[in-house]
Protein backbone atom coordinates (compact mmCIF):
# COMPACT_ATOMS: atom_id res chain seq x y z
CA MET A 1 6.99 98.93 45.31
CA LYS A 2 3.60 97.27 45.65
CA VAL A 3 2.93 93.85 44.23
CA GLY A 4 -0.65 92.73 44.73
CA LYS A 5 -1.68 93.48 48.32
CA GLN A 6 1.83 93.30 49.77
CA THR A 7 4.61 95.84 49.92
CA MET A 8 8.16 94.61 50.23
CA ASP A 9 10.06 95.81 53.28
CA THR A 10 13.15 97.30 51.65
CA ARG A 11 14.96 97.60 54.96
CA ALA A 12 14.42 93.92 55.64
CA ALA A 13 15.63 93.14 52.11
CA LEU A 14 18.83 95.10 52.79
CA LEU A 15 19.41 93.36 56.12
CA TYR A 16 18.97 89.88 54.67
CA ALA A 17 21.10 90.71 51.63
CA ALA A 18 23.90 91.75 53.97
CA ILE A 19 23.47 88.55 55.97
CA CYS A 20 23.62 86.56 52.71
CA GLY A 21 26.92 88.27 51.95
CA GLN A 22 28.40 86.76 55.08
CA THR A 23 27.62 83.23 53.88
CA TYR A 24 30.35 83.74 51.28
CA VAL A 25 32.73 85.11 53.91
CA GLN A 26 32.00 82.06 56.06
CA PHE A 27 32.85 79.72 53.18
CA GLU A 28 36.02 81.55 52.17
CA ASN A 29 37.54 81.80 55.66
CA GLU A 30 39.65 78.90 56.89
CA HIS A 31 37.81 78.61 60.21
CA SER A 32 34.40 79.60 58.80
CA MET A 33 34.47 82.92 60.64
CA PHE A 34 32.13 85.69 59.58
CA LEU A 35 30.56 88.91 60.86
CA MET A 36 27.08 89.32 62.28
CA PRO A 37 24.99 92.43 62.78
CA PRO A 38 24.49 93.67 66.34
CA GLY A 39 22.06 91.59 68.36
CA TYR A 40 22.54 88.39 66.35
CA GLU A 41 24.16 85.17 67.53
CA LEU A 42 25.15 82.03 65.66
CA VAL A 43 22.89 79.06 66.34
CA GLU A 44 24.58 76.60 64.01
CA PRO A 45 26.47 76.50 60.69
CA ILE A 46 24.76 74.65 57.85
CA LYS A 47 26.79 72.03 56.00
CA ALA A 48 25.89 70.43 52.69
CA SER A 49 27.48 68.63 49.76
CA ALA A 50 27.22 69.05 46.01
CA TYR A 51 27.82 66.58 43.18
CA ASP A 52 31.06 65.12 44.59
CA GLY A 53 29.60 64.41 48.03
CA VAL A 54 32.27 66.48 49.81
CA GLU A 55 30.73 68.41 52.70
CA SER A 56 31.33 72.15 53.12
CA VAL A 57 29.69 75.07 54.89
CA PHE A 58 26.69 76.35 52.95
CA GLY A 59 25.34 78.94 55.37
CA PHE A 60 24.12 79.28 58.92
CA ILE A 61 21.24 79.79 61.33
CA LEU A 62 21.25 83.02 63.34
CA GLU A 63 19.08 84.16 66.22
CA SER A 64 18.15 87.62 67.45
CA ALA A 65 15.50 88.94 69.80
CA ASP A 66 13.26 89.40 66.76
CA GLY A 67 13.59 86.01 65.10
CA TYR A 68 15.64 83.28 63.47
CA VAL A 69 17.43 83.60 60.12
CA VAL A 70 18.41 80.68 57.89
CA ALA A 71 20.86 81.87 55.21
CA PHE A 72 22.36 79.93 52.29
CA ARG A 73 25.28 80.88 50.05
CA GLY A 74 25.46 80.70 46.30
CA THR A 75 27.73 78.72 43.99
CA SER A 76 31.39 78.89 45.02
CA THR A 77 33.11 75.80 43.55
CA PRO A 78 33.34 74.08 40.15
CA VAL A 79 31.57 71.01 41.55
CA GLU A 80 28.62 73.17 42.56
CA TRP A 81 28.36 74.37 38.95
CA ILE A 82 27.93 70.71 37.98
CA SER A 83 25.05 70.43 40.45
CA ASN A 84 23.54 73.58 38.96
CA SER A 85 23.56 71.96 35.53
CA ILE A 86 21.60 68.85 36.59
CA ALA A 87 18.26 70.39 35.63
CA ARG A 88 16.21 67.23 35.18
CA GLN A 89 13.46 67.06 37.78
CA THR A 90 12.65 64.80 40.69
CA SER A 91 9.87 64.71 43.27
CA TYR A 92 9.84 67.23 46.10
CA ARG A 93 9.14 64.66 48.79
CA TYR A 94 9.01 66.81 51.92
CA ILE A 95 5.37 67.85 51.54
CA LYS A 96 2.30 66.19 50.07
CA ASN A 97 1.73 66.87 46.35
CA GLY A 98 4.96 68.85 46.24
CA GLY A 99 5.48 68.59 42.51
CA LEU A 100 8.83 68.27 40.78
CA VAL A 101 12.04 70.20 41.45
CA HIS A 102 15.54 70.66 40.04
CA GLN A 103 17.57 67.51 40.75
CA GLY A 104 20.89 69.25 41.37
CA PHE A 105 19.45 71.84 43.74
CA VAL A 106 17.38 69.40 45.78
CA ASP A 107 20.30 66.97 46.12
CA ILE A 108 22.28 69.74 47.83
CA TYR A 109 19.30 70.63 50.00
CA ALA A 110 18.74 66.98 50.93
CA SER A 111 22.33 66.72 52.19
CA ALA A 112 21.67 69.57 54.66
CA ARG A 113 18.05 68.87 55.41
CA ASP A 114 18.29 66.65 58.50
CA GLN A 115 20.69 69.06 60.18
CA LEU A 116 18.55 72.10 59.31
CA ILE A 117 15.21 70.66 60.40
CA GLY A 118 16.80 69.18 63.51
CA ALA A 119 18.36 72.49 64.51
CA LEU A 120 15.10 74.37 64.02
CA GLY A 121 13.30 71.70 66.00
CA ARG A 122 15.48 72.50 69.01
CA LEU A 123 14.60 76.20 68.90
CA PRO A 124 11.52 77.52 70.71
CA ALA A 125 8.65 78.43 68.41
CA CYS A 126 8.33 81.90 69.88
CA LYS A 127 9.87 83.89 67.04
CA PRO A 128 9.39 84.09 63.27
CA VAL A 129 11.78 82.36 60.88
CA THR A 130 13.24 84.05 57.80
CA VAL A 131 14.93 82.01 55.06
CA THR A 132 17.21 83.82 52.64
CA GLY A 133 19.85 83.17 50.01
CA HIS A 134 21.59 84.49 46.91
CA SER A 135 21.76 82.65 43.57
CA LEU A 136 21.99 78.91 44.32
CA GLY A 137 21.38 79.93 47.93
CA GLY A 138 18.08 81.42 46.83
CA ALA A 139 17.11 78.08 45.29
CA LEU A 140 17.99 76.32 48.54
CA ALA A 141 15.90 78.86 50.47
CA VAL A 142 12.91 78.13 48.24
CA LEU A 143 13.36 74.39 48.79
CA ALA A 144 13.71 74.83 52.55
CA ALA A 145 10.68 77.06 53.10
CA PRO A 146 7.82 74.57 52.47
CA ASP A 147 9.70 71.90 54.41
CA ILE A 148 10.03 74.24 57.40
CA ALA A 149 6.39 75.29 57.09
CA VAL A 150 5.07 71.73 57.19
CA ASN A 151 7.66 69.77 59.15
CA THR A 152 8.71 72.06 62.02
CA ILE A 153 6.90 73.70 64.92
CA HIS A 154 7.64 77.15 63.52
CA GLY A 155 5.09 77.32 60.74
CA PRO A 156 5.59 79.21 57.47
CA PRO A 157 8.80 81.25 57.29
CA GLN A 158 9.12 84.47 55.37
CA VAL A 159 11.50 84.29 52.41
CA TYR A 160 13.82 86.81 50.74
CA THR A 161 15.87 85.58 47.78
CA TYR A 162 18.28 87.43 45.50
CA ALA A 163 19.12 86.41 41.92
CA ALA A 164 17.53 83.00 42.44
CA PRO A 165 17.01 80.60 39.53
CA ARG A 166 13.79 78.72 38.88
CA VAL A 167 13.47 75.75 41.20
CA GLY A 168 10.49 73.60 40.26
CA ASP A 169 7.50 72.87 38.09
CA PRO A 170 4.09 74.62 38.21
CA GLN A 171 2.79 72.18 40.83
CA PHE A 172 5.71 72.94 43.14
CA ALA A 173 5.22 76.68 42.60
CA LEU A 174 1.52 76.34 43.36
CA ARG A 175 2.12 74.47 46.62
CA TYR A 176 4.89 76.87 47.62
CA ASN A 177 2.76 79.93 46.96
CA ARG A 178 -0.07 78.55 49.07
CA LEU A 179 2.18 77.55 51.96
CA ILE A 180 4.42 80.63 52.14
CA PRO A 181 2.38 83.84 52.53
CA LYS A 182 5.34 86.22 52.55
CA SER A 183 7.98 85.51 49.92
CA TRP A 184 10.01 87.97 47.88
CA ARG A 185 12.08 87.01 44.85
CA ILE A 186 14.36 89.98 44.19
CA TYR A 187 15.99 89.92 40.76
CA ASN A 188 17.82 92.15 38.31
CA GLU A 189 16.14 92.13 34.91
CA PHE A 190 19.60 92.08 33.29
CA ASP A 191 20.85 89.12 35.34
CA LEU A 192 20.81 85.84 33.40
CA VAL A 193 20.48 83.48 36.38
CA PRO A 194 16.84 84.28 37.27
CA TYR A 195 15.89 83.18 33.73
CA LEU A 196 17.38 79.70 34.26
CA PRO A 197 16.44 76.96 33.84
CA PRO A 198 14.18 78.08 30.99
CA HIS A 199 10.42 77.65 31.33
CA ILE A 200 10.65 74.62 29.04
CA TYR A 201 13.82 72.58 29.53
CA ARG A 202 14.79 69.61 27.38
CA SER A 203 17.32 67.28 28.96
CA PRO A 204 20.31 66.86 26.59
CA ARG A 205 20.88 63.38 28.01
CA THR A 206 17.38 61.90 27.84
CA ASP A 207 15.55 64.34 25.55
CA GLU A 208 12.81 64.50 28.20
CA ILE A 209 10.99 67.83 28.62
CA TYR A 210 10.54 69.53 31.99
CA TYR A 211 8.61 72.66 32.90
CA TYR A 212 9.83 75.36 35.29
CA LEU A 213 7.96 78.20 36.97
CA HIS A 214 9.17 80.82 39.45
CA VAL A 215 7.60 81.13 42.89
CA LYS A 216 6.06 84.40 44.08
CA LYS A 217 6.48 87.39 44.47
CA ASP A 218 8.88 89.10 42.17
CA TYR A 219 10.54 92.43 42.95
CA LYS A 220 12.38 93.72 39.91
CA LEU A 221 15.60 95.70 40.05
CA SER A 222 17.12 97.18 36.92
CA PHE A 223 20.86 97.70 36.60
CA LYS A 224 23.61 97.03 34.09
CA ALA A 225 26.95 96.60 35.82
CA GLY A 226 29.12 95.91 32.77
CA SER A 227 29.32 92.11 32.62
CA VAL A 228 27.28 88.95 33.08
CA SER A 229 28.89 88.28 36.46
CA ALA A 230 28.59 91.89 37.63
CA ASN A 231 24.88 91.85 36.84
CA HIS A 232 24.56 88.86 39.18
CA ILE A 233 26.82 89.42 42.18
CA LEU A 234 25.23 90.15 45.53
CA ARG A 235 27.24 93.33 46.03
CA ASN A 236 25.49 95.03 43.12
CA TYR A 237 22.07 93.83 44.27
CA PHE A 238 22.78 95.31 47.69
CA LEU A 239 24.00 98.62 46.25
CA LYS A 240 20.89 98.93 44.08
CA LEU A 241 18.60 98.25 47.03
CA ALA A 242 20.60 100.73 49.10
CA GLU A 243 19.65 103.48 46.64
CA LEU A 244 16.07 103.08 47.88
CA GLU A 245 17.00 103.53 51.55
CA PRO A 246 20.41 105.26 51.62
CA ALA A 247 20.27 106.51 55.22
CA PHE A 248 19.19 103.11 56.53
CA ALA A 249 21.83 101.32 54.44
CA GLU A 250 24.54 103.59 55.85
CA GLN A 251 23.35 102.94 59.39
CA LEU A 252 23.08 99.19 58.75
CA CYS A 253 26.63 98.98 57.45
CA ALA A 254 28.21 101.15 60.15
CA PHE A 255 28.82 98.29 62.59
CA PRO A 256 30.53 95.96 62.53
CA PRO A 257 32.74 97.71 59.95
CA GLY A 258 32.96 95.83 56.65
CA TRP A 259 30.08 93.45 57.22
CA CYS A 260 27.92 94.70 54.33
CA PRO A 261 28.71 93.44 50.81
CA THR A 262 29.78 96.85 49.51
CA ALA A 263 33.51 96.35 48.86
CA GLY A 264 34.70 96.33 45.28
């Protein structure tokens, strides 16, 4: 599908969706073990904290011969749902004129930020960086990308998000869009999360009004999976993308067995 002058790389979207799936496996396993595609190695896990301040794994940094991948998971605990609900805005302070962003999302990002930027700073700037995430993880990816672009030696990363909510105001979206040349926001038109927070959000606590705008570039999927949660889960995003490249998806998922998010 062409959007403007760019065409999304569906195979890359499938690869990064599968990698995103392993961020959930990492979180759910007692020793944070997860599977990686052939040729990838773990650089460092990413740890962050939500509303209660308790630290947990939120993703990882991988390295291959072709580049680095920063991947964030989505919401997995009740406390993280509280962070999701804190939709008042605060300054995005990592770049100049960064606009305003979702308080709950950026608080989580801030708790991981020093570790993330430090880890990337120790990696040679000889390969491209990709930042990816599903749901809340997509929001964290959007918050990380301008920071990486401006405050590391790597320059602008490419970004692939899945089912990501809105993250910031029009000024943030403008700065993001100018800093990040290659960014794909993959969403299901029947998934509720990409429509949150609404464009105009009124804080129930203060009655203050905030404005939200998505970052570029949208890639629309269309599927109804039978429930609100089924329309949102990464598995169904992956399966829909796999319909576009079935042979590649089969090859991608062949090894290591079970690493793609295709199980029921």
